[in-house]
Amino acid sequence: MISFIRFSILFIVLVLLQVLALDNISFYGYATPYLYIYFIIKLPIGINRYFLTLLGFILGLTIDMFCNTPGIAAAATTCVAFFRRPVQGLFFQQEDFDSYIPSVSAFGGNFIKYAVVYVFIHHAILLSVESFSYFNITNLLLKILTSTVLTSLLIFAIDCFSSNKKKV
């Protein structure tokens, strides 16, 4: 029950942060942080794949409703939520798939690699659907890379801060 409340609060905080602040940030027209993906990253490793896909869709649809984007975030978050387990399989051992919650303190470098790859996949889908064209591929790749770096840095900062706070 406590875990459900904690993840509900995380969902609400990330959606509000994205909608009210982060969507208005754009460094030189390229890097925009999409921090809401942190919600899917932080869900327990062993969560049911179909439930996770539903949560990804709800998260994306919520972002789309507030940002007036017609299904772009819903498509990206649903897709990455569905493929979360295979991506985790690249970085975590099978015995980690019980009930661990991914974090820097629990998995160290593997979490960092996992988060960067996962954020990159999300951003590649999100920004490709948003641009709806590969006419200017260098501009699209630059947006994907810079947004991935910015979002990943924010995720690591939040994750390190929250894990240090729990240790104290």
C-alpha atoms as a PDB file:
ATOM      1  CA  MET A   1       0.000   0.000   0.000  1.00  0.00           C
ATOM      2  CA  ILE A   2       2.834   2.388   0.851  1.00  0.00           C
ATOM      3  CA  SER A   3       4.489   1.548  -2.470  1.00  0.00           C
ATOM      4  CA  PHE A   4       1.248   2.310  -4.339  1.00  0.00           C
ATOM      5  CA  ILE A   5       0.967   5.689  -2.632  1.00  0.00           C
ATOM      6  CA  ARG A   6       4.639   6.469  -3.291  1.00  0.00           C
ATOM      7  CA  PHE A   7       4.310   5.671  -7.010  1.00  0.00           C
ATOM      8  CA  SER A   8       1.040   7.621  -7.259  1.00  0.00           C
ATOM      9  CA  ILE A   9       2.741  10.676  -5.786  1.00  0.00           C
ATOM     10  CA  LEU A  10       5.708  10.180  -8.141  1.00  0.00           C
ATOM     11  CA  PHE A  11       3.285  10.001 -11.093  1.00  0.00           C
ATOM     12  CA  ILE A  12       1.507  13.218 -10.091  1.00  0.00           C
ATOM     13  CA  VAL A  13       4.716  15.118  -9.318  1.00  0.00           C
ATOM     14  CA  LEU A  14       6.394  14.114 -12.588  1.00  0.00           C
ATOM     15  CA  VAL A  15       3.337  14.987 -14.684  1.00  0.00           C
ATOM     16  CA  LEU A  16       2.970  18.377 -12.995  1.00  0.00           C
ATOM     17  CA  LEU A  17       6.691  19.080 -13.266  1.00  0.00           C
ATOM     18  CA  GLN A  18       6.678  18.171 -16.959  1.00  0.00           C
ATOM     19  CA  VAL A  19       3.558  20.129 -17.823  1.00  0.00           C
ATOM     20  CA  LEU A  20       4.166  23.236 -15.737  1.00  0.00           C
ATOM     21  CA  ALA A  21       7.929  23.655 -16.030  1.00  0.00           C
ATOM     22  CA  LEU A  22       9.903  21.296 -18.236  1.00  0.00           C
ATOM     23  CA  ASP A  23       7.831  21.662 -21.409  1.00  0.00           C
ATOM     24  CA  ASN A  24       8.749  25.348 -21.384  1.00  0.00           C
ATOM     25  CA  ILE A  25      12.478  24.591 -21.330  1.00  0.00           C
ATOM     26  CA  SER A  26      14.347  24.260 -24.594  1.00  0.00           C
ATOM     27  CA  PHE A  27      18.092  24.784 -24.822  1.00  0.00           C
ATOM     28  CA  TYR A  28      18.789  26.426 -28.182  1.00  0.00           C
ATOM     29  CA  GLY A  29      15.740  24.708 -29.658  1.00  0.00           C
ATOM     30  CA  TYR A  30      17.266  21.259 -29.303  1.00  0.00           C
ATOM     31  CA  ALA A  31      17.351  19.872 -25.756  1.00  0.00           C
ATOM     32  CA  THR A  32      14.065  19.508 -23.925  1.00  0.00           C
ATOM     33  CA  PRO A  33      13.895  17.348 -20.790  1.00  0.00           C
ATOM     34  CA  TYR A  34      11.163  14.702 -20.780  1.00  0.00           C
ATOM     35  CA  LEU A  35      11.453  13.696 -17.151  1.00  0.00           C
ATOM     36  CA  TYR A  36       8.096  11.883 -16.961  1.00  0.00           C
ATOM     37  CA  ILE A  37       9.797   8.747 -18.334  1.00  0.00           C
ATOM     38  CA  TYR A  38      11.457   8.437 -14.912  1.00  0.00           C
ATOM     39  CA  PHE A  39       8.151   7.043 -13.606  1.00  0.00           C
ATOM     40  CA  ILE A  40       8.400   3.973 -15.846  1.00  0.00           C
ATOM     41  CA  ILE A  41      12.103   3.550 -15.093  1.00  0.00           C
ATOM     42  CA  LYS A  42      11.463   3.531 -11.337  1.00  0.00           C
ATOM     43  CA  LEU A  43       8.684   0.931 -11.328  1.00  0.00           C
ATOM     44  CA  PRO A  44       9.715  -2.448  -9.840  1.00  0.00           C
ATOM     45  CA  ILE A  45      11.605  -4.708 -12.212  1.00  0.00           C
ATOM     46  CA  GLY A  46       9.224  -7.635 -11.838  1.00  0.00           C
ATOM     47  CA  ILE A  47       6.016  -5.711 -12.605  1.00  0.00           C
ATOM     48  CA  ASN A  48       3.545  -7.389 -14.967  1.00  0.00           C
ATOM     49  CA  ARG A  49       4.315  -6.398 -18.559  1.00  0.00           C
ATOM     50  CA  TYR A  50       0.693  -5.728 -19.519  1.00  0.00           C
ATOM     51  CA  PHE A  51       0.031  -3.655 -16.407  1.00  0.00           C
ATOM     52  CA  LEU A  52       3.210  -1.701 -17.135  1.00  0.00           C
ATOM     53  CA  THR A  53       2.056  -1.103 -20.708  1.00  0.00           C
ATOM     54  CA  LEU A  54      -1.277   0.185 -19.392  1.00  0.00           C
ATOM     55  CA  LEU A  55       0.527   2.490 -16.950  1.00  0.00           C
ATOM     56  CA  GLY A  56       2.735   3.735 -19.797  1.00  0.00           C
ATOM     57  CA  PHE A  57      -0.315   4.506 -21.896  1.00  0.00           C
ATOM     58  CA  ILE A  58      -2.024   6.334 -19.017  1.00  0.00           C
ATOM     59  CA  LEU A  59       1.132   8.343 -18.338  1.00  0.00           C
ATOM     60  CA  GLY A  60       1.525   9.305 -21.990  1.00  0.00           C
ATOM     61  CA  LEU A  61      -2.159  10.105 -22.396  1.00  0.00           C
ATOM     62  CA  THR A  62      -2.044  12.341 -19.315  1.00  0.00           C
ATOM     63  CA  ILE A  63       0.946  14.216 -20.732  1.00  0.00           C
ATOM     64  CA  ASP A  64      -0.797  14.490 -24.110  1.00  0.00           C
ATOM     65  CA  MET A  65      -3.965  15.915 -22.554  1.00  0.00           C
ATOM     66  CA  PHE A  66      -2.097  18.655 -20.708  1.00  0.00           C
ATOM     67  CA  CYS A  67       0.387  19.456 -23.490  1.00  0.00           C
ATOM     68  CA  ASN A  68      -2.130  19.296 -26.350  1.00  0.00           C
ATOM     69  CA  THR A  69      -0.074  16.761 -28.265  1.00  0.00           C
ATOM     70  CA  PRO A  70      -2.324  14.301 -30.101  1.00  0.00           C
ATOM     71  CA  GLY A  71      -1.101  10.915 -28.851  1.00  0.00           C
ATOM     72  CA  ILE A  72       2.615  11.476 -29.319  1.00  0.00           C
ATOM     73  CA  ALA A  73       3.628  10.885 -25.694  1.00  0.00           C
ATOM     74  CA  ALA A  74       1.093   8.061 -25.370  1.00  0.00           C
ATOM     75  CA  ALA A  75       2.604   6.258 -28.349  1.00  0.00           C
ATOM     76  CA  ALA A  76       6.173   6.660 -27.080  1.00  0.00           C
ATOM     77  CA  THR A  77       5.506   5.681 -23.458  1.00  0.00           C
ATOM     78  CA  THR A  78       3.319   2.725 -24.416  1.00  0.00           C
ATOM     79  CA  CYS A  79       5.998   1.420 -26.762  1.00  0.00           C
ATOM     80  CA  VAL A  80       8.868   1.758 -24.298  1.00  0.00           C
ATOM     81  CA  ALA A  81       6.751   0.324 -21.472  1.00  0.00           C
ATOM     82  CA  PHE A  82       6.030  -2.750 -23.569  1.00  0.00           C
ATOM     83  CA  PHE A  83       9.714  -3.268 -24.400  1.00  0.00           C
ATOM     84  CA  ARG A  84      10.997  -2.509 -20.893  1.00  0.00           C
ATOM     85  CA  ARG A  85      11.664  -6.151 -19.945  1.00  0.00           C
ATOM     86  CA  PRO A  86      13.917  -6.919 -22.940  1.00  0.00           C
ATOM     87  CA  VAL A  87      15.889  -3.726 -22.313  1.00  0.00           C
ATOM     88  CA  GLN A  88      16.243  -4.668 -18.632  1.00  0.00           C
ATOM     89  CA  GLY A  89      17.466  -8.092 -19.680  1.00  0.00           C
ATOM     90  CA  LEU A  90      20.475  -6.432 -21.279  1.00  0.00           C
ATOM     91  CA  PHE A  91      21.625  -4.860 -18.007  1.00  0.00           C
ATOM     92  CA  PHE A  92      20.201  -6.831 -15.076  1.00  0.00           C
ATOM     93  CA  GLN A  93      20.517 -10.461 -14.011  1.00  0.00           C
ATOM     94  CA  GLN A  94      17.485 -12.753 -14.042  1.00  0.00           C
ATOM     95  CA  GLU A  95      17.459 -12.973 -10.225  1.00  0.00           C
ATOM     96  CA  ASP A  96      17.098  -9.177 -10.082  1.00  0.00           C
ATOM     97  CA  PHE A  97      13.671  -9.503 -11.709  1.00  0.00           C
ATOM     98  CA  ASP A  98      11.878 -10.297  -8.446  1.00  0.00           C
ATOM     99  CA  SER A  99      10.882  -7.077  -6.756  1.00  0.00           C
ATOM    100  CA  TYR A 100      13.827  -4.698  -6.991  1.00  0.00           C
ATOM    101  CA  ILE A 101      13.225  -1.072  -7.810  1.00  0.00           C
ATOM    102  CA  PRO A 102      15.916   0.132 -10.229  1.00  0.00           C
ATOM    103  CA  SER A 103      18.186   2.795  -8.778  1.00  0.00           C
ATOM    104  CA  VAL A 104      21.797   3.947  -8.810  1.00  0.00           C
ATOM    105  CA  SER A 105      22.291   2.763  -5.236  1.00  0.00           C
ATOM    106  CA  ALA A 106      20.971  -0.746  -5.996  1.00  0.00           C
ATOM    107  CA  PHE A 107      22.577  -1.392  -9.396  1.00  0.00           C
ATOM    108  CA  GLY A 108      25.262   1.271  -9.898  1.00  0.00           C
ATOM    109  CA  GLY A 109      26.673   1.394 -13.428  1.00  0.00           C
ATOM    110  CA  ASN A 110      24.116  -1.044 -14.803  1.00  0.00           C
ATOM    111  CA  PHE A 111      21.310   1.321 -13.793  1.00  0.00           C
ATOM    112  CA  ILE A 112      23.079   4.206 -15.511  1.00  0.00           C
ATOM    113  CA  LYS A 113      23.482   2.241 -18.759  1.00  0.00           C
ATOM    114  CA  TYR A 114      19.898   0.985 -18.544  1.00  0.00           C
ATOM    115  CA  ALA A 115      18.478   4.461 -17.934  1.00  0.00           C
ATOM    116  CA  VAL A 116      20.457   6.085 -20.756  1.00  0.00           C
ATOM    117  CA  VAL A 117      19.458   3.401 -23.279  1.00  0.00           C
ATOM    118  CA  TYR A 118      15.848   3.488 -22.128  1.00  0.00           C
ATOM    119  CA  VAL A 119      15.671   7.292 -22.285  1.00  0.00           C
ATOM    120  CA  PHE A 120      17.324   7.242 -25.724  1.00  0.00           C
ATOM    121  CA  ILE A 121      14.739   4.761 -27.053  1.00  0.00           C
ATOM    122  CA  HIS A 122      11.885   6.828 -25.607  1.00  0.00           C
ATOM    123  CA  HIS A 123      13.218  10.056 -27.060  1.00  0.00           C
ATOM    124  CA  ALA A 124      13.906   8.472 -30.452  1.00  0.00           C
ATOM    125  CA  ILE A 125      10.295   7.302 -30.674  1.00  0.00           C
ATOM    126  CA  LEU A 126       8.823  10.510 -29.236  1.00  0.00           C
ATOM    127  CA  LEU A 127      10.775  12.937 -31.394  1.00  0.00           C
ATOM    128  CA  SER A 128      10.466  10.803 -34.554  1.00  0.00           C
ATOM    129  CA  VAL A 129       6.689  10.688 -34.213  1.00  0.00           C
ATOM    130  CA  GLU A 130       6.642  14.388 -33.371  1.00  0.00           C
ATOM    131  CA  SER A 131       8.688  15.402 -36.422  1.00  0.00           C
ATOM    132  CA  PHE A 132       6.809  12.899 -38.635  1.00  0.00           C
ATOM    133  CA  SER A 133       9.609  13.190 -41.162  1.00  0.00           C
ATOM    134  CA  TYR A 134      13.213  12.183 -41.636  1.00  0.00           C
ATOM    135  CA  PHE A 135      13.850  15.023 -44.062  1.00  0.00           C
ATOM    136  CA  ASN A 136      16.289  16.768 -41.724  1.00  0.00           C
ATOM    137  CA  ILE A 137      17.770  13.692 -40.031  1.00  0.00           C
ATOM    138  CA  THR A 138      20.770  15.523 -38.544  1.00  0.00           C
ATOM    139  CA  ASN A 139      18.498  17.984 -36.747  1.00  0.00           C
ATOM    140  CA  LEU A 140      16.351  15.118 -35.447  1.00  0.00           C
ATOM    141  CA  LEU A 141      19.382  13.140 -34.233  1.00  0.00           C
ATOM    142  CA  LEU A 142      20.781  16.216 -32.527  1.00  0.00           C
ATOM    143  CA  LYS A 143      17.467  16.769 -30.726  1.00  0.00           C
ATOM    144  CA  ILE A 144      17.338  13.115 -29.659  1.00  0.00           C
ATOM    145  CA  LEU A 145      20.910  13.102 -28.354  1.00  0.00           C
ATOM    146  CA  THR A 146      20.756  16.422 -26.521  1.00  0.00           C
ATOM    147  CA  SER A 147      17.372  15.665 -24.973  1.00  0.00           C
ATOM    148  CA  THR A 148      18.634  12.223 -23.914  1.00  0.00           C
ATOM    149  CA  VAL A 149      21.676  13.729 -22.217  1.00  0.00           C
ATOM    150  CA  LEU A 150      19.633  16.401 -20.440  1.00  0.00           C
ATOM    151  CA  THR A 151      16.913  13.987 -19.298  1.00  0.00           C
ATOM    152  CA  SER A 152      19.468  11.391 -18.176  1.00  0.00           C
ATOM    153  CA  LEU A 153      21.350  13.965 -16.113  1.00  0.00           C
ATOM    154  CA  LEU A 154      18.122  15.025 -14.410  1.00  0.00           C
ATOM    155  CA  ILE A 155      17.198  11.391 -13.719  1.00  0.00           C
ATOM    156  CA  PHE A 156      20.588  10.653 -12.156  1.00  0.00           C
ATOM    157  CA  ALA A 157      20.462  13.807 -10.055  1.00  0.00           C
ATOM    158  CA  ILE A 158      17.009  12.973  -8.728  1.00  0.00           C
ATOM    159  CA  ASP A 159      17.851   9.316  -8.177  1.00  0.00           C
ATOM    160  CA  CYS A 160      21.109  10.072  -6.342  1.00  0.00           C
ATOM    161  CA  PHE A 161      19.401  12.738  -4.247  1.00  0.00           C
ATOM    162  CA  SER A 162      16.526  10.437  -3.275  1.00  0.00           C
ATOM    163  CA  SER A 163      18.822   7.487  -2.465  1.00  0.00           C
ATOM    164  CA  ASN A 164      21.162   9.707  -0.385  1.00  0.00           C
ATOM    165  CA  LYS A 165      18.149  11.097   1.475  1.00  0.00           C
ATOM    166  CA  LYS A 166      16.992   7.570   2.401  1.00  0.00           C
ATOM    167  CA  LYS A 167      20.437   6.610   3.729  1.00  0.00           C
ATOM    168  CA  VAL A 168      20.611   9.594   6.104  1.00  0.00           C
END
